[in-house]
Structures are given as structure tokens and as C-alpha cells.
Amino acid sequence: MIVHDEVLAARAPWARVVRAGETLRVVDLGGNQAVDCLLYDAADPVHRYSAADTIVGQRNIFLVEGTQLLSNEGVPMMTITATTCAYHDTIGGACSRESNTLRYGHHTAHQHACVDNFLHAAAPFGLGKRDLVSNINWFMNVPVGDDGMLGIVDGISAPGLSLDVRAEIDVLVLISNCPQINNPCNGFDPTPVQLQVIAAP
């Protein structure tokens, strides 16, 4: 049973507590849209998603079906139970006004960024900038070259591709439907995504 269903506008923030056993489904409606995501233990947000622990735990830099998303205490927070996109990123980080300026020039300093979205979504829960950590980028393609360099390149998603992540504990989920227009992560054209919360079986 679907207990929550909405279309999140391009560039917009979102926050919700997903209860243990519930599944969050993210659908890439237009294709090639990056969806930045942060996870916090809803009972104690000092425990939060850890990209490093997740990578070490699964011995893979990419997030795939079956990946357990681990906290900074090594506790499973959510599990990817299904995905029709080959893999997802957790090393590319979130765009900010500062990184936009550094990468693309001072003329981008005014542009909205994922960090802005995360701060907006986090504020009602008493979280701020010091609480932001390395994030997940659903549908984003960040290959690693033989020389160890990261690339932000055209996405591997397509219209209608989706993923399901099941909460193992009560999880505060923050999402930034990425507003980036300076690199190919959104095909230079941010689009809406669908977010559904499905009740536990």
C-alpha cells in the first residue's frame, strides 16, 4: 500500500521520516536526473549515513541492488531492494554555490545548489550545515578512470527508471532534486521525480 505519493519539482528539496519496514521508491520521470540524498537516524540524528562505511562494507564504490546503506556506527539504515538503473553514486558529493564558483566561474555564484536544498529540508529537524555529510546521488554517473580521476558525465538513467530502498530503522530522508545546470548530471535540464513511500508488508 502506498502511504505517500508526490511529484517533486525540478530543483526542489524534500524531507520525510521513513519508518522501519517502509520502502521509499524514487522514479526518474524525465531521465538523466540526479537525486541527492542524505540519511539520518530519526531517533538520534548524530547517527547518519556514511559513504565510507558503506563503500568498505560492500567493497564497491557504486550502490547496487542489495547494497546496505550504513551509518557512521556501521548500522544498516536502508537497503536497496530493487533498482532498474545499473548503479548509483556515493562519491561525487553535492553541488554548492562554492563548488559551482570554483568549477564553473564566479558568474554561477548566485545559482541554487543541492547544499541550499539540504539546509532548507534539514532546518525543521534542527539540523544545519555542520550536519551535512557525504551524500548519495541516485541515478548519477560518476565513473573512476584508470588514473583515479572522477568524472561527472552523462547519466545512465532513462525515463521511468526507479529504485526502492527499504528502511531498516526509522530514517529521516533528505532529498535535493539536483538543480545543477553546469554539468551533464541532469542533462543540463533538471526535471521532476516521483517519490512514493510504500507501507511495510
N, C-alpha and C. Protein backbone atom coordinates (compact mmCIF):
# COMPACT_ATOMS: atom_id res chain seq x y z
N MET A 1 0.83 -1.19 0.00
CA MET A 1 0.00 0.00 0.00
C MET A 1 0.87 1.25 0.00
N ILE A 2 0.57 2.19 -0.87
CA ILE A 2 1.31 3.44 -0.94
C ILE A 2 0.75 4.41 0.09
N VAL A 3 1.60 4.88 1.00
CA VAL A 3 1.15 5.78 2.06
C VAL A 3 1.50 7.23 1.75
N HIS A 4 2.36 7.45 0.77
CA HIS A 4 2.71 8.81 0.36
C HIS A 4 3.12 8.76 -1.11
N ASP A 5 2.65 9.74 -1.88
CA ASP A 5 2.94 9.76 -3.31
C ASP A 5 2.94 11.21 -3.77
N GLU A 6 4.07 11.67 -4.28
CA GLU A 6 4.12 13.03 -4.79
C GLU A 6 5.15 13.15 -5.91
N VAL A 7 4.97 14.16 -6.73
CA VAL A 7 5.97 14.51 -7.73
C VAL A 7 6.75 15.69 -7.18
N LEU A 8 8.05 15.52 -7.03
CA LEU A 8 8.92 16.57 -6.53
C LEU A 8 9.43 17.39 -7.71
N ALA A 9 9.18 18.67 -7.66
CA ALA A 9 9.55 19.56 -8.77
C ALA A 9 11.05 19.57 -9.00
N ALA A 10 11.43 19.88 -10.22
CA ALA A 10 12.85 20.06 -10.53
C ALA A 10 13.44 21.10 -9.58
N ARG A 11 14.64 20.82 -9.08
CA ARG A 11 15.43 21.71 -8.23
C ARG A 11 14.96 21.79 -6.78
N ALA A 12 13.91 21.05 -6.40
CA ALA A 12 13.27 21.25 -5.09
C ALA A 12 13.84 20.35 -4.01
N PRO A 13 13.68 20.75 -2.72
CA PRO A 13 14.06 19.91 -1.58
C PRO A 13 12.88 19.08 -1.09
N TRP A 14 13.19 18.06 -0.27
CA TRP A 14 12.16 17.17 0.29
C TRP A 14 12.71 16.54 1.56
N ALA A 15 11.84 16.31 2.53
CA ALA A 15 12.24 15.62 3.76
C ALA A 15 11.06 14.83 4.30
N ARG A 16 11.35 13.65 4.83
CA ARG A 16 10.31 12.82 5.44
C ARG A 16 10.98 11.73 6.27
N VAL A 17 10.33 11.37 7.36
CA VAL A 17 10.78 10.19 8.12
C VAL A 17 10.14 8.96 7.49
N VAL A 18 10.99 8.04 7.05
CA VAL A 18 10.54 6.77 6.50
C VAL A 18 10.70 5.74 7.62
N ARG A 19 9.59 5.14 8.02
CA ARG A 19 9.58 4.25 9.17
C ARG A 19 10.19 2.88 8.83
N ALA A 20 10.72 2.23 9.84
CA ALA A 20 11.30 0.90 9.66
C ALA A 20 10.31 -0.02 8.96
N GLY A 21 10.78 -0.67 7.91
CA GLY A 21 9.95 -1.58 7.13
C GLY A 21 9.31 -0.92 5.92
N GLU A 22 9.17 0.40 5.94
CA GLU A 22 8.63 1.09 4.77
C GLU A 22 9.69 1.18 3.66
N THR A 23 9.22 1.33 2.43
CA THR A 23 10.11 1.45 1.28
C THR A 23 9.91 2.80 0.62
N LEU A 24 11.02 3.48 0.36
CA LEU A 24 11.00 4.71 -0.44
C LEU A 24 11.30 4.34 -1.88
N ARG A 25 10.39 4.71 -2.77
CA ARG A 25 10.60 4.50 -4.20
C ARG A 25 10.85 5.84 -4.87
N VAL A 26 11.93 5.91 -5.66
CA VAL A 26 12.27 7.13 -6.40
C VAL A 26 12.21 6.79 -7.88
N VAL A 27 11.42 7.56 -8.63
CA VAL A 27 11.24 7.32 -10.06
C VAL A 27 11.79 8.51 -10.83
N ASP A 28 12.71 8.23 -11.74
CA ASP A 28 13.30 9.27 -12.59
C ASP A 28 12.35 9.50 -13.77
N LEU A 29 11.46 10.46 -13.64
CA LEU A 29 10.38 10.64 -14.62
C LEU A 29 10.90 11.05 -15.99
N GLY A 30 11.82 12.00 -16.02
CA GLY A 30 12.29 12.52 -17.30
C GLY A 30 13.54 11.84 -17.82
N GLY A 31 14.25 11.15 -16.93
CA GLY A 31 15.51 10.52 -17.31
C GLY A 31 16.69 11.45 -17.11
N ASN A 32 17.82 10.87 -16.69
CA ASN A 32 19.07 11.62 -16.56
C ASN A 32 19.00 12.69 -15.48
N GLN A 33 18.22 12.47 -14.42
CA GLN A 33 18.13 13.43 -13.32
C GLN A 33 18.85 12.88 -12.10
N ALA A 34 19.78 13.65 -11.55
CA ALA A 34 20.47 13.26 -10.33
C ALA A 34 19.60 13.64 -9.13
N VAL A 35 19.52 12.74 -8.14
CA VAL A 35 18.71 12.96 -6.94
C VAL A 35 19.64 12.78 -5.74
N ASP A 36 20.06 13.88 -5.14
CA ASP A 36 20.96 13.83 -4.00
C ASP A 36 20.19 13.46 -2.74
N CYS A 37 20.81 12.68 -1.86
CA CYS A 37 20.08 12.11 -0.72
C CYS A 37 20.99 12.00 0.51
N LEU A 38 20.44 12.36 1.67
CA LEU A 38 21.11 12.18 2.96
C LEU A 38 20.17 11.42 3.89
N LEU A 39 20.76 10.60 4.78
CA LEU A 39 20.00 9.78 5.71
C LEU A 39 20.47 10.04 7.14
N TYR A 40 19.50 10.14 8.06
CA TYR A 40 19.80 10.32 9.48
C TYR A 40 18.91 9.37 10.29
N ASP A 41 19.46 8.86 11.39
CA ASP A 41 18.66 8.11 12.33
C ASP A 41 17.63 9.07 12.92
N ALA A 42 16.35 8.80 12.67
CA ALA A 42 15.30 9.74 13.11
C ALA A 42 15.27 9.89 14.63
N ALA A 43 15.71 8.87 15.36
CA ALA A 43 15.71 8.92 16.82
C ALA A 43 16.91 9.66 17.38
N ASP A 44 18.00 9.69 16.63
CA ASP A 44 19.24 10.32 17.09
C ASP A 44 20.07 10.70 15.87
N PRO A 45 19.86 11.91 15.32
CA PRO A 45 20.50 12.27 14.04
C PRO A 45 22.02 12.36 14.07
N VAL A 46 22.64 12.22 15.27
CA VAL A 46 24.10 12.15 15.28
C VAL A 46 24.56 10.90 14.53
N HIS A 47 23.69 9.90 14.44
CA HIS A 47 23.96 8.72 13.62
C HIS A 47 23.39 9.00 12.24
N ARG A 48 24.24 8.97 11.25
CA ARG A 48 23.83 9.37 9.90
C ARG A 48 24.58 8.56 8.85
N TYR A 49 24.10 8.67 7.60
CA TYR A 49 24.70 7.91 6.51
C TYR A 49 26.20 8.15 6.42
N SER A 50 26.93 7.10 6.18
CA SER A 50 28.38 7.17 5.99
C SER A 50 28.75 6.54 4.66
N ALA A 51 29.18 7.37 3.72
CA ALA A 51 29.64 6.84 2.43
C ALA A 51 30.83 5.91 2.62
N ALA A 52 31.75 6.30 3.50
CA ALA A 52 32.96 5.49 3.71
C ALA A 52 32.61 4.10 4.25
N ASP A 53 31.77 4.05 5.28
CA ASP A 53 31.40 2.75 5.86
C ASP A 53 30.64 1.90 4.84
N THR A 54 29.79 2.55 4.06
CA THR A 54 29.01 1.81 3.06
C THR A 54 29.92 1.22 1.98
N ILE A 55 30.88 2.01 1.50
CA ILE A 55 31.81 1.54 0.48
C ILE A 55 32.65 0.38 1.01
N VAL A 56 33.19 0.53 2.22
CA VAL A 56 34.01 -0.53 2.81
C VAL A 56 33.17 -1.78 3.07
N GLY A 57 31.95 -1.58 3.56
CA GLY A 57 31.10 -2.71 3.91
C GLY A 57 30.73 -3.58 2.73
N GLN A 58 30.54 -2.94 1.56
CA GLN A 58 30.15 -3.73 0.39
C GLN A 58 31.30 -3.94 -0.60
N ARG A 59 32.46 -3.29 -0.32
CA ARG A 59 33.65 -3.41 -1.18
C ARG A 59 33.30 -3.02 -2.62
N ASN A 60 32.60 -1.91 -2.73
CA ASN A 60 32.19 -1.42 -4.06
C ASN A 60 31.91 0.06 -3.92
N ILE A 61 32.42 0.88 -4.86
CA ILE A 61 32.16 2.32 -4.78
C ILE A 61 30.79 2.68 -5.34
N PHE A 62 30.16 1.77 -6.05
CA PHE A 62 28.84 2.03 -6.61
C PHE A 62 27.77 1.35 -5.78
N LEU A 63 26.60 1.98 -5.73
CA LEU A 63 25.47 1.43 -4.99
C LEU A 63 24.60 0.65 -5.96
N VAL A 64 24.31 -0.60 -5.60
CA VAL A 64 23.57 -1.50 -6.49
C VAL A 64 22.49 -2.23 -5.68
N GLU A 65 21.67 -3.02 -6.37
CA GLU A 65 20.66 -3.80 -5.66
C GLU A 65 21.33 -4.69 -4.61
N GLY A 66 20.78 -4.66 -3.40
CA GLY A 66 21.34 -5.41 -2.30
C GLY A 66 22.26 -4.62 -1.40
N THR A 67 22.70 -3.43 -1.84
CA THR A 67 23.58 -2.61 -1.01
C THR A 67 22.88 -2.19 0.27
N GLN A 68 23.56 -2.37 1.39
CA GLN A 68 23.09 -1.82 2.66
C GLN A 68 23.75 -0.46 2.87
N LEU A 69 22.94 0.54 3.13
CA LEU A 69 23.43 1.89 3.38
C LEU A 69 23.69 2.01 4.88
N LEU A 70 24.97 2.14 5.23
CA LEU A 70 25.39 2.05 6.62
C LEU A 70 25.57 3.42 7.25
N SER A 71 25.37 3.48 8.57
CA SER A 71 25.59 4.71 9.33
C SER A 71 27.06 4.82 9.72
N ASN A 72 27.39 5.95 10.35
CA ASN A 72 28.75 6.15 10.84
C ASN A 72 29.07 5.23 12.02
N GLU A 73 28.08 4.48 12.50
CA GLU A 73 28.30 3.45 13.51
C GLU A 73 28.28 2.05 12.90
N GLY A 74 28.20 1.98 11.56
CA GLY A 74 28.18 0.69 10.88
C GLY A 74 26.84 -0.01 10.93
N VAL A 75 25.78 0.71 11.29
CA VAL A 75 24.44 0.13 11.42
C VAL A 75 23.70 0.27 10.08
N PRO A 76 23.09 -0.80 9.57
CA PRO A 76 22.29 -0.68 8.35
C PRO A 76 21.11 0.28 8.56
N MET A 77 21.03 1.30 7.72
CA MET A 77 19.94 2.28 7.80
C MET A 77 18.85 1.97 6.77
N MET A 78 19.27 1.68 5.55
CA MET A 78 18.35 1.34 4.48
C MET A 78 19.03 0.32 3.58
N THR A 79 18.23 -0.41 2.81
CA THR A 79 18.75 -1.41 1.88
C THR A 79 18.12 -1.18 0.52
N ILE A 80 18.96 -1.18 -0.53
CA ILE A 80 18.42 -1.08 -1.89
C ILE A 80 17.85 -2.44 -2.25
N THR A 81 16.53 -2.53 -2.32
CA THR A 81 15.89 -3.82 -2.59
C THR A 81 15.60 -4.03 -4.06
N ALA A 82 15.58 -2.96 -4.85
CA ALA A 82 15.35 -3.08 -6.29
C ALA A 82 15.83 -1.81 -6.96
N THR A 83 16.36 -1.95 -8.17
CA THR A 83 16.71 -0.79 -8.98
C THR A 83 16.73 -1.19 -10.44
N THR A 84 16.17 -0.34 -11.28
CA THR A 84 16.22 -0.59 -12.73
C THR A 84 17.30 0.25 -13.38
N CYS A 85 18.03 1.01 -12.58
CA CYS A 85 19.22 1.72 -13.05
C CYS A 85 20.43 0.90 -12.61
N ALA A 86 21.42 0.77 -13.47
CA ALA A 86 22.51 -0.18 -13.22
C ALA A 86 23.22 0.05 -11.90
N TYR A 87 23.47 1.30 -11.56
CA TYR A 87 24.14 1.61 -10.30
C TYR A 87 23.92 3.09 -9.97
N HIS A 88 24.29 3.45 -8.73
CA HIS A 88 24.13 4.81 -8.24
C HIS A 88 25.43 5.24 -7.58
N ASP A 89 25.60 6.55 -7.39
CA ASP A 89 26.87 7.12 -6.93
C ASP A 89 26.82 7.53 -5.47
N THR A 90 27.96 7.41 -4.77
CA THR A 90 28.08 7.98 -3.44
C THR A 90 29.44 8.63 -3.21
N ILE A 91 30.15 8.95 -4.29
CA ILE A 91 31.46 9.61 -4.13
C ILE A 91 31.50 11.00 -4.77
N GLY A 92 30.51 11.35 -5.56
CA GLY A 92 30.54 12.61 -6.31
C GLY A 92 30.19 13.84 -5.50
N GLY A 93 29.58 13.66 -4.32
CA GLY A 93 29.25 14.80 -3.49
C GLY A 93 28.05 15.58 -3.97
N ALA A 94 27.77 16.67 -3.28
CA ALA A 94 26.64 17.54 -3.61
C ALA A 94 27.16 18.88 -4.10
N CYS A 95 26.47 19.46 -5.07
CA CYS A 95 26.88 20.77 -5.56
C CYS A 95 26.56 21.84 -4.52
N SER A 96 27.39 22.86 -4.47
CA SER A 96 27.19 24.00 -3.59
C SER A 96 27.51 25.26 -4.38
N ARG A 97 27.12 26.39 -3.83
CA ARG A 97 27.45 27.65 -4.50
C ARG A 97 28.98 27.81 -4.60
N GLU A 98 29.68 27.37 -3.53
CA GLU A 98 31.13 27.49 -3.52
C GLU A 98 31.78 26.60 -4.59
N SER A 99 31.32 25.34 -4.68
CA SER A 99 31.92 24.45 -5.68
C SER A 99 31.54 24.88 -7.09
N ASN A 100 30.32 25.39 -7.26
CA ASN A 100 29.94 25.91 -8.59
C ASN A 100 30.88 27.02 -9.02
N THR A 101 31.17 27.95 -8.08
CA THR A 101 32.06 29.07 -8.39
C THR A 101 33.45 28.58 -8.75
N LEU A 102 33.96 27.61 -7.98
CA LEU A 102 35.30 27.09 -8.23
C LEU A 102 35.39 26.37 -9.57
N ARG A 103 34.37 25.56 -9.87
CA ARG A 103 34.41 24.73 -11.08
C ARG A 103 34.01 25.47 -12.34
N TYR A 104 33.02 26.36 -12.22
CA TYR A 104 32.39 26.90 -13.43
C TYR A 104 32.49 28.40 -13.58
N GLY A 105 33.04 29.08 -12.57
CA GLY A 105 33.24 30.52 -12.68
C GLY A 105 32.36 31.31 -11.73
N HIS A 106 32.79 32.54 -11.43
CA HIS A 106 32.09 33.38 -10.46
C HIS A 106 30.70 33.78 -10.93
N HIS A 107 30.43 33.69 -12.23
CA HIS A 107 29.10 34.04 -12.71
C HIS A 107 28.03 33.05 -12.25
N THR A 108 28.45 31.91 -11.68
CA THR A 108 27.48 30.91 -11.19
C THR A 108 27.18 31.05 -9.70
N ALA A 109 27.80 32.03 -9.03
CA ALA A 109 27.72 32.12 -7.57
C ALA A 109 26.28 32.29 -7.07
N HIS A 110 25.42 32.85 -7.89
CA HIS A 110 24.03 33.08 -7.46
C HIS A 110 23.15 31.84 -7.63
N GLN A 111 23.66 30.82 -8.32
CA GLN A 111 22.80 29.69 -8.68
C GLN A 111 22.49 28.81 -7.47
N HIS A 112 21.22 28.39 -7.40
CA HIS A 112 20.75 27.48 -6.36
C HIS A 112 21.53 26.17 -6.46
N ALA A 113 21.76 25.52 -5.32
CA ALA A 113 22.57 24.29 -5.30
C ALA A 113 21.98 23.29 -4.31
N CYS A 114 22.48 22.06 -4.38
CA CYS A 114 21.98 20.99 -3.51
C CYS A 114 22.19 21.30 -2.04
N VAL A 115 23.32 21.93 -1.69
CA VAL A 115 23.55 22.27 -0.29
C VAL A 115 22.45 23.20 0.21
N ASP A 116 22.02 24.16 -0.61
CA ASP A 116 20.90 25.03 -0.23
C ASP A 116 19.65 24.20 0.05
N ASN A 117 19.37 23.24 -0.85
CA ASN A 117 18.19 22.39 -0.66
C ASN A 117 18.29 21.57 0.63
N PHE A 118 19.45 20.99 0.88
CA PHE A 118 19.62 20.19 2.09
C PHE A 118 19.41 21.05 3.34
N LEU A 119 19.95 22.26 3.36
CA LEU A 119 19.79 23.13 4.52
C LEU A 119 18.33 23.51 4.73
N HIS A 120 17.61 23.75 3.65
CA HIS A 120 16.19 24.08 3.74
C HIS A 120 15.40 22.89 4.30
N ALA A 121 15.69 21.69 3.80
CA ALA A 121 14.97 20.50 4.24
C ALA A 121 15.33 20.11 5.67
N ALA A 122 16.58 20.37 6.07
CA ALA A 122 17.07 19.94 7.38
C ALA A 122 16.63 20.85 8.51
N ALA A 123 16.40 22.13 8.22
CA ALA A 123 16.15 23.13 9.27
C ALA A 123 14.99 22.76 10.20
N PRO A 124 13.84 22.28 9.69
CA PRO A 124 12.74 21.95 10.61
C PRO A 124 13.07 20.83 11.59
N PHE A 125 14.13 20.09 11.33
CA PHE A 125 14.53 18.98 12.20
C PHE A 125 15.71 19.36 13.09
N GLY A 126 16.04 20.66 13.11
CA GLY A 126 17.11 21.14 13.97
C GLY A 126 18.50 20.83 13.47
N LEU A 127 18.64 20.52 12.19
CA LEU A 127 19.94 20.20 11.60
C LEU A 127 20.42 21.38 10.76
N GLY A 128 21.73 21.55 10.70
CA GLY A 128 22.31 22.66 9.96
C GLY A 128 23.51 22.22 9.14
N LYS A 129 24.31 23.19 8.74
CA LYS A 129 25.41 22.92 7.81
C LYS A 129 26.43 21.94 8.39
N ARG A 130 26.66 22.00 9.69
CA ARG A 130 27.65 21.09 10.28
C ARG A 130 27.17 19.64 10.26
N ASP A 131 25.87 19.43 10.01
CA ASP A 131 25.31 18.08 9.97
C ASP A 131 25.33 17.47 8.57
N LEU A 132 25.74 18.23 7.56
CA LEU A 132 25.79 17.70 6.19
C LEU A 132 27.05 16.86 6.02
N VAL A 133 26.88 15.69 5.44
CA VAL A 133 27.99 14.76 5.23
C VAL A 133 27.98 14.31 3.77
N SER A 134 28.92 13.46 3.41
CA SER A 134 28.94 12.93 2.04
C SER A 134 27.63 12.21 1.75
N ASN A 135 27.10 12.45 0.58
CA ASN A 135 25.72 12.04 0.27
C ASN A 135 25.68 10.95 -0.80
N ILE A 136 24.46 10.49 -1.02
CA ILE A 136 24.15 9.57 -2.12
C ILE A 136 23.66 10.40 -3.30
N ASN A 137 24.00 9.98 -4.51
CA ASN A 137 23.47 10.60 -5.73
C ASN A 137 22.74 9.53 -6.53
N TRP A 138 21.44 9.40 -6.29
CA TRP A 138 20.67 8.41 -7.04
C TRP A 138 20.69 8.77 -8.53
N PHE A 139 20.89 7.78 -9.36
CA PHE A 139 20.88 7.86 -10.83
C PHE A 139 22.11 8.57 -11.42
N MET A 140 22.99 9.12 -10.60
CA MET A 140 24.12 9.89 -11.14
C MET A 140 25.25 8.96 -11.55
N ASN A 141 25.93 9.32 -12.62
CA ASN A 141 27.01 8.50 -13.19
C ASN A 141 28.34 9.20 -12.93
N VAL A 142 29.14 8.61 -12.03
CA VAL A 142 30.46 9.18 -11.70
C VAL A 142 31.50 8.08 -11.86
N PRO A 143 31.97 7.85 -13.08
CA PRO A 143 32.98 6.81 -13.30
C PRO A 143 34.34 7.23 -12.74
N VAL A 144 35.16 6.25 -12.44
CA VAL A 144 36.52 6.48 -11.96
C VAL A 144 37.47 5.97 -13.03
N GLY A 145 38.34 6.85 -13.52
CA GLY A 145 39.27 6.47 -14.57
C GLY A 145 40.44 5.65 -14.05
N ASP A 146 41.21 5.11 -14.97
CA ASP A 146 42.38 4.31 -14.59
C ASP A 146 43.39 5.12 -13.77
N ASP A 147 43.35 6.45 -13.95
CA ASP A 147 44.27 7.32 -13.21
C ASP A 147 43.68 7.75 -11.86
N GLY A 148 42.50 7.23 -11.52
CA GLY A 148 41.87 7.57 -10.26
C GLY A 148 41.03 8.82 -10.28
N MET A 149 40.97 9.49 -11.41
CA MET A 149 40.19 10.72 -11.51
C MET A 149 38.70 10.40 -11.65
N LEU A 150 37.86 11.24 -11.00
CA LEU A 150 36.42 11.09 -11.11
C LEU A 150 35.91 11.88 -12.31
N GLY A 151 34.86 11.36 -12.93
CA GLY A 151 34.20 12.10 -14.00
C GLY A 151 32.75 12.31 -13.65
N ILE A 152 32.20 13.46 -14.01
CA ILE A 152 30.76 13.69 -13.92
C ILE A 152 30.28 13.76 -15.36
N VAL A 153 29.62 12.71 -15.80
CA VAL A 153 29.34 12.54 -17.22
C VAL A 153 27.84 12.28 -17.43
N ASP A 154 27.48 12.06 -18.69
CA ASP A 154 26.08 11.79 -18.99
C ASP A 154 25.56 10.64 -18.13
N GLY A 155 24.32 10.78 -17.68
CA GLY A 155 23.73 9.78 -16.83
C GLY A 155 23.47 8.47 -17.54
N ILE A 156 23.21 7.43 -16.75
CA ILE A 156 22.88 6.11 -17.31
C ILE A 156 21.41 5.78 -17.05
N SER A 157 20.66 6.79 -16.57
CA SER A 157 19.25 6.58 -16.31
C SER A 157 18.45 6.88 -17.57
N ALA A 158 17.15 6.67 -17.48
CA ALA A 158 16.23 6.91 -18.59
C ALA A 158 14.85 7.14 -18.00
N PRO A 159 13.94 7.73 -18.76
CA PRO A 159 12.60 7.99 -18.22
C PRO A 159 11.94 6.72 -17.66
N GLY A 160 11.46 6.81 -16.42
CA GLY A 160 10.74 5.71 -15.80
C GLY A 160 11.60 4.76 -14.98
N LEU A 161 12.93 4.89 -15.03
CA LEU A 161 13.76 4.02 -14.19
C LEU A 161 13.57 4.40 -12.73
N SER A 162 13.77 3.43 -11.85
CA SER A 162 13.43 3.66 -10.45
C SER A 162 14.33 2.86 -9.52
N LEU A 163 14.22 3.16 -8.24
CA LEU A 163 14.87 2.34 -7.22
C LEU A 163 13.98 2.28 -6.00
N ASP A 164 14.09 1.20 -5.25
CA ASP A 164 13.38 1.01 -3.99
C ASP A 164 14.43 0.85 -2.89
N VAL A 165 14.27 1.62 -1.81
CA VAL A 165 15.15 1.49 -0.65
C VAL A 165 14.28 1.28 0.59
N ARG A 166 14.54 0.18 1.29
CA ARG A 166 13.75 -0.18 2.48
C ARG A 166 14.45 0.33 3.74
N ALA A 167 13.68 0.97 4.60
CA ALA A 167 14.22 1.46 5.86
C ALA A 167 14.39 0.30 6.84
N GLU A 168 15.57 0.19 7.43
CA GLU A 168 15.83 -0.83 8.44
C GLU A 168 15.59 -0.29 9.84
N ILE A 169 15.65 1.03 9.99
CA ILE A 169 15.29 1.75 11.20
C ILE A 169 14.46 2.95 10.75
N ASP A 170 13.90 3.71 11.69
CA ASP A 170 13.23 4.95 11.31
C ASP A 170 14.30 5.92 10.81
N VAL A 171 14.15 6.36 9.56
CA VAL A 171 15.19 7.17 8.91
C VAL A 171 14.60 8.50 8.45
N LEU A 172 15.27 9.58 8.83
CA LEU A 172 14.97 10.88 8.25
C LEU A 172 15.69 10.98 6.91
N VAL A 173 14.93 11.10 5.84
CA VAL A 173 15.49 11.17 4.49
C VAL A 173 15.40 12.61 3.99
N LEU A 174 16.53 13.17 3.61
CA LEU A 174 16.57 14.48 2.97
C LEU A 174 16.92 14.29 1.50
N ILE A 175 16.19 14.97 0.63
CA ILE A 175 16.45 14.86 -0.81
C ILE A 175 16.58 16.24 -1.42
N SER A 176 17.55 16.39 -2.30
CA SER A 176 17.65 17.54 -3.18
C SER A 176 17.51 17.04 -4.60
N ASN A 177 16.43 17.43 -5.26
CA ASN A 177 16.27 17.08 -6.67
C ASN A 177 17.17 18.04 -7.43
N CYS A 178 18.36 17.58 -7.72
CA CYS A 178 19.53 18.41 -8.04
C CYS A 178 19.24 19.52 -9.06
N PRO A 179 19.60 20.77 -8.71
CA PRO A 179 19.39 21.89 -9.62
C PRO A 179 20.56 22.18 -10.56
N GLN A 180 21.59 21.32 -10.55
CA GLN A 180 22.80 21.61 -11.31
C GLN A 180 22.53 21.72 -12.81
N ILE A 181 23.01 22.80 -13.42
CA ILE A 181 22.83 23.02 -14.87
C ILE A 181 24.16 23.20 -15.59
N ASN A 182 25.29 23.05 -14.85
CA ASN A 182 26.59 23.31 -15.44
C ASN A 182 27.36 22.07 -15.86
N ASN A 183 26.85 20.89 -15.51
CA ASN A 183 27.49 19.66 -15.95
C ASN A 183 26.41 18.67 -16.38
N PRO A 184 26.79 17.54 -16.98
CA PRO A 184 25.78 16.65 -17.60
C PRO A 184 24.97 15.80 -16.62
N CYS A 185 25.16 15.96 -15.29
CA CYS A 185 24.49 15.04 -14.36
C CYS A 185 22.98 15.09 -14.49
N ASN A 186 22.42 16.21 -14.95
CA ASN A 186 20.98 16.35 -15.19
C ASN A 186 20.68 16.58 -16.66
N GLY A 187 21.64 16.27 -17.53
CA GLY A 187 21.45 16.59 -18.94
C GLY A 187 21.29 18.08 -19.16
N PHE A 188 21.84 18.91 -18.25
CA PHE A 188 21.77 20.37 -18.30
C PHE A 188 20.32 20.88 -18.22
N ASP A 189 19.39 20.04 -17.76
CA ASP A 189 17.97 20.40 -17.72
C ASP A 189 17.28 19.64 -16.59
N PRO A 190 17.31 20.15 -15.36
CA PRO A 190 16.69 19.44 -14.23
C PRO A 190 15.20 19.17 -14.47
N THR A 191 14.76 17.97 -14.04
CA THR A 191 13.38 17.55 -14.26
C THR A 191 12.79 16.98 -12.97
N PRO A 192 11.46 16.87 -12.87
CA PRO A 192 10.83 16.33 -11.66
C PRO A 192 11.11 14.84 -11.48
N VAL A 193 10.94 14.38 -10.24
CA VAL A 193 10.98 12.95 -9.93
C VAL A 193 9.75 12.60 -9.10
N GLN A 194 9.41 11.33 -9.08
CA GLN A 194 8.29 10.87 -8.26
C GLN A 194 8.84 10.19 -7.01
N LEU A 195 8.24 10.49 -5.86
CA LEU A 195 8.62 9.89 -4.59
C LEU A 195 7.42 9.21 -3.98
N GLN A 196 7.56 7.92 -3.71
CA GLN A 196 6.49 7.16 -3.08
C GLN A 196 7.03 6.49 -1.82
N VAL A 197 6.21 6.43 -0.78
CA VAL A 197 6.53 5.65 0.40
C VAL A 197 5.52 4.51 0.47
N ILE A 198 6.04 3.30 0.51
CA ILE A 198 5.21 2.09 0.47
C ILE A 198 5.25 1.45 1.85
N ALA A 199 4.08 1.12 2.37
CA ALA A 199 3.97 0.54 3.71
C ALA A 199 4.71 -0.78 3.80
N ALA A 200 5.12 -1.12 5.01
CA ALA A 200 5.76 -2.42 5.25
C ALA A 200 4.77 -3.52 4.93
N PRO A 201 5.24 -4.65 4.40
CA PRO A 201 4.35 -5.78 4.08
C PRO A 201 3.58 -6.25 5.31
